[in-house]
Amino acid sequence: ATDWFSRSVGIATRLGIAAGRGREGYAPYATITRIEAMTMAGRLIEALGLAEPLTEEEIEAILGGFSDADKVPEWARKAAAISIKYGIIVGSGGAVRPNDPLTRAQGAAIAARLHDWLSGRM
């Protein structure tokens, strides 16, 4: 693959940060959802070895602080909880709105929070 993003996607895939969308593959031109962004942020923290292990009870408690926790898919629960625990995701109006599309502003906020959080640990 020679697309400009191929190297980055390959690295993210090898690290377990990005996993694609099943049979669709990575779907690089698709709109990303908030849960996909939360998941990648949490998986990045985990891949860097900076996440403390979470029990199922801790995951439930972290996600349970949001009114739409039941909409977070099983495959994303742990990574989403990690991104929330470390302040990368803060939600809005008591909800995380996992199925909403990620806006550019939200993406920038996640990138800035990740940068600030990682800068304090590395």
C-alpha atoms as a PDB file:
ATOM      1  CA  ALA A   1       0.000   0.000   0.000  1.00  0.00           C
ATOM      2  CA  THR A   2       1.330   3.385  -0.967  1.00  0.00           C
ATOM      3  CA  ASP A   3      -1.272   5.696   0.553  1.00  0.00           C
ATOM      4  CA  TRP A   4       0.166   8.455   2.716  1.00  0.00           C
ATOM      5  CA  PHE A   5      -1.298   6.868   5.858  1.00  0.00           C
ATOM      6  CA  SER A   6      -0.190   3.269   5.193  1.00  0.00           C
ATOM      7  CA  ARG A   7       2.900   3.364   7.419  1.00  0.00           C
ATOM      8  CA  SER A   8       1.010   4.867  10.366  1.00  0.00           C
ATOM      9  CA  VAL A   9      -1.885   2.430  10.011  1.00  0.00           C
ATOM     10  CA  GLY A  10       0.575  -0.466   9.811  1.00  0.00           C
ATOM     11  CA  ILE A  11       2.337   0.611  13.000  1.00  0.00           C
ATOM     12  CA  ALA A  12      -0.966   1.172  14.827  1.00  0.00           C
ATOM     13  CA  THR A  13      -2.192  -2.244  13.706  1.00  0.00           C
ATOM     14  CA  ARG A  14       0.988  -4.027  14.809  1.00  0.00           C
ATOM     15  CA  LEU A  15       0.783  -2.336  18.212  1.00  0.00           C
ATOM     16  CA  GLY A  16      -2.867  -3.341  18.580  1.00  0.00           C
ATOM     17  CA  ILE A  17      -4.069   0.273  18.622  1.00  0.00           C
ATOM     18  CA  ALA A  18      -6.136   0.038  15.431  1.00  0.00           C
ATOM     19  CA  ALA A  19      -7.901  -3.157  14.457  1.00  0.00           C
ATOM     20  CA  GLY A  20     -10.055  -2.181  11.497  1.00  0.00           C
ATOM     21  CA  ARG A  21     -13.715  -2.901  10.937  1.00  0.00           C
ATOM     22  CA  GLY A  22     -13.965  -6.623  10.380  1.00  0.00           C
ATOM     23  CA  ARG A  23     -14.375  -7.522   6.723  1.00  0.00           C
ATOM     24  CA  GLU A  24     -14.164  -3.867   5.711  1.00  0.00           C
ATOM     25  CA  GLY A  25     -10.521  -3.774   6.807  1.00  0.00           C
ATOM     26  CA  TYR A  26      -9.240  -0.491   8.118  1.00  0.00           C
ATOM     27  CA  ALA A  27     -11.705   1.673   6.122  1.00  0.00           C
ATOM     28  CA  PRO A  28      -9.410   4.731   6.110  1.00  0.00           C
ATOM     29  CA  TYR A  29     -11.937   7.033   4.447  1.00  0.00           C
ATOM     30  CA  ALA A  30     -14.851   6.174   6.741  1.00  0.00           C
ATOM     31  CA  THR A  31     -16.007   8.566   9.441  1.00  0.00           C
ATOM     32  CA  ILE A  32     -14.600   7.597  12.835  1.00  0.00           C
ATOM     33  CA  THR A  33     -16.933   7.255  15.800  1.00  0.00           C
ATOM     34  CA  ARG A  34     -16.276   8.525  19.287  1.00  0.00           C
ATOM     35  CA  ILE A  35     -15.948   4.951  20.589  1.00  0.00           C
ATOM     36  CA  GLU A  36     -13.333   4.153  17.956  1.00  0.00           C
ATOM     37  CA  ALA A  37     -11.314   7.185  19.049  1.00  0.00           C
ATOM     38  CA  MET A  38     -11.707   6.293  22.738  1.00  0.00           C
ATOM     39  CA  THR A  39     -10.611   2.758  21.987  1.00  0.00           C
ATOM     40  CA  MET A  40      -7.508   3.821  20.074  1.00  0.00           C
ATOM     41  CA  ALA A  41      -6.534   6.239  22.857  1.00  0.00           C
ATOM     42  CA  GLY A  42      -6.951   3.563  25.524  1.00  0.00           C
ATOM     43  CA  ARG A  43      -5.093   0.964  23.462  1.00  0.00           C
ATOM     44  CA  LEU A  44      -2.230   3.414  22.905  1.00  0.00           C
ATOM     45  CA  ILE A  45      -1.859   3.946  26.644  1.00  0.00           C
ATOM     46  CA  GLU A  46      -1.942   0.187  27.124  1.00  0.00           C
ATOM     47  CA  ALA A  47       0.551  -0.490  24.292  1.00  0.00           C
ATOM     48  CA  LEU A  48       2.998   1.926  25.910  1.00  0.00           C
ATOM     49  CA  GLY A  49       2.732  -0.023  29.161  1.00  0.00           C
ATOM     50  CA  LEU A  50       1.321   2.976  31.026  1.00  0.00           C
ATOM     51  CA  ALA A  51      -2.112   1.624  31.949  1.00  0.00           C
ATOM     52  CA  GLU A  52      -2.675   0.037  35.333  1.00  0.00           C
ATOM     53  CA  PRO A  53      -4.615  -3.232  35.083  1.00  0.00           C
ATOM     54  CA  LEU A  54      -8.375  -2.778  35.471  1.00  0.00           C
ATOM     55  CA  THR A  55     -10.750  -5.336  36.917  1.00  0.00           C
ATOM     56  CA  GLU A  56     -14.184  -5.840  35.409  1.00  0.00           C
ATOM     57  CA  GLU A  57     -15.611  -4.065  38.460  1.00  0.00           C
ATOM     58  CA  GLU A  58     -13.358  -1.050  37.872  1.00  0.00           C
ATOM     59  CA  ILE A  59     -14.309  -0.942  34.187  1.00  0.00           C
ATOM     60  CA  GLU A  60     -17.997  -1.043  35.125  1.00  0.00           C
ATOM     61  CA  ALA A  61     -17.518   1.687  37.741  1.00  0.00           C
ATOM     62  CA  ILE A  62     -15.648   3.984  35.335  1.00  0.00           C
ATOM     63  CA  LEU A  63     -18.141   3.532  32.511  1.00  0.00           C
ATOM     64  CA  GLY A  64     -21.074   3.588  34.927  1.00  0.00           C
ATOM     65  CA  GLY A  65     -20.414   7.258  35.558  1.00  0.00           C
ATOM     66  CA  PHE A  66     -21.998   7.981  32.173  1.00  0.00           C
ATOM     67  CA  SER A  67     -25.682   7.753  31.322  1.00  0.00           C
ATOM     68  CA  ASP A  68     -25.038   5.879  28.055  1.00  0.00           C
ATOM     69  CA  ALA A  69     -22.525   3.321  29.348  1.00  0.00           C
ATOM     70  CA  ASP A  70     -24.783   0.548  28.066  1.00  0.00           C
ATOM     71  CA  LYS A  71     -24.101   1.744  24.498  1.00  0.00           C
ATOM     72  CA  VAL A  72     -20.346   1.086  24.790  1.00  0.00           C
ATOM     73  CA  PRO A  73     -19.758  -2.186  22.905  1.00  0.00           C
ATOM     74  CA  GLU A  74     -18.109  -5.091  24.715  1.00  0.00           C
ATOM     75  CA  TRP A  75     -15.019  -4.999  22.476  1.00  0.00           C
ATOM     76  CA  ALA A  76     -14.353  -1.377  23.469  1.00  0.00           C
ATOM     77  CA  ARG A  77     -15.174  -1.345  27.189  1.00  0.00           C
ATOM     78  CA  LYS A  78     -11.685  -1.825  28.620  1.00  0.00           C
ATOM     79  CA  ALA A  79      -9.930   0.620  26.287  1.00  0.00           C
ATOM     80  CA  ALA A  80     -12.699   3.199  26.727  1.00  0.00           C
ATOM     81  CA  ALA A  81     -12.426   2.886  30.506  1.00  0.00           C
ATOM     82  CA  ILE A  82      -8.663   3.416  30.292  1.00  0.00           C
ATOM     83  CA  SER A  83      -9.095   6.558  28.201  1.00  0.00           C
ATOM     84  CA  ILE A  84     -11.655   7.872  30.687  1.00  0.00           C
ATOM     85  CA  LYS A  85      -9.623   6.912  33.768  1.00  0.00           C
ATOM     86  CA  TYR A  86      -6.641   8.934  32.588  1.00  0.00           C
ATOM     87  CA  GLY A  87      -8.691  11.980  31.575  1.00  0.00           C
ATOM     88  CA  ILE A  88      -8.283  11.619  27.820  1.00  0.00           C
ATOM     89  CA  ILE A  89     -12.055  11.308  27.439  1.00  0.00           C
ATOM     90  CA  VAL A  90     -14.274  13.407  29.684  1.00  0.00           C
ATOM     91  CA  GLY A  91     -17.686  13.067  28.054  1.00  0.00           C
ATOM     92  CA  SER A  92     -20.287  15.762  27.675  1.00  0.00           C
ATOM     93  CA  GLY A  93     -23.423  16.279  29.712  1.00  0.00           C
ATOM     94  CA  GLY A  94     -22.853  13.048  31.617  1.00  0.00           C
ATOM     95  CA  ALA A  95     -22.614  10.958  28.437  1.00  0.00           C
ATOM     96  CA  VAL A  96     -19.846   9.662  26.184  1.00  0.00           C
ATOM     97  CA  ARG A  97     -22.067   9.296  23.071  1.00  0.00           C
ATOM     98  CA  PRO A  98     -20.021   6.360  21.741  1.00  0.00           C
ATOM     99  CA  ASN A  99     -21.812   6.031  18.404  1.00  0.00           C
ATOM    100  CA  ASP A 100     -21.659   9.691  17.432  1.00  0.00           C
ATOM    101  CA  PRO A 101     -19.170  10.717  14.770  1.00  0.00           C
ATOM    102  CA  LEU A 102     -15.987  12.290  16.110  1.00  0.00           C
ATOM    103  CA  THR A 103     -15.719  15.952  15.195  1.00  0.00           C
ATOM    104  CA  ARG A 104     -12.434  17.579  14.299  1.00  0.00           C
ATOM    105  CA  ALA A 105     -12.615  19.601  17.523  1.00  0.00           C
ATOM    106  CA  GLN A 106     -13.104  16.439  19.577  1.00  0.00           C
ATOM    107  CA  GLY A 107     -10.217  14.752  17.773  1.00  0.00           C
ATOM    108  CA  ALA A 108      -7.985  17.735  18.490  1.00  0.00           C
ATOM    109  CA  ALA A 109      -9.024  17.717  22.162  1.00  0.00           C
ATOM    110  CA  ILE A 110      -8.192  14.004  22.438  1.00  0.00           C
ATOM    111  CA  ALA A 111      -4.805  14.562  20.769  1.00  0.00           C
ATOM    112  CA  ALA A 112      -4.013  17.479  23.096  1.00  0.00           C
ATOM    113  CA  ARG A 113      -5.046  15.563  26.220  1.00  0.00           C
ATOM    114  CA  LEU A 114      -3.031  12.531  25.131  1.00  0.00           C
ATOM    115  CA  HIS A 115      -0.007  14.739  24.484  1.00  0.00           C
ATOM    116  CA  ASP A 116      -0.285  16.443  27.860  1.00  0.00           C
ATOM    117  CA  TRP A 117      -0.853  13.154  29.703  1.00  0.00           C
ATOM    118  CA  LEU A 118       1.998  11.347  27.939  1.00  0.00           C
ATOM    119  CA  SER A 119       4.366  14.320  28.365  1.00  0.00           C
ATOM    120  CA  GLY A 120       3.978  13.998  32.111  1.00  0.00           C
ATOM    121  CA  ARG A 121       4.943  10.296  32.025  1.00  0.00           C
ATOM    122  CA  MET A 122       7.712   9.944  29.504  1.00  0.00           C
END
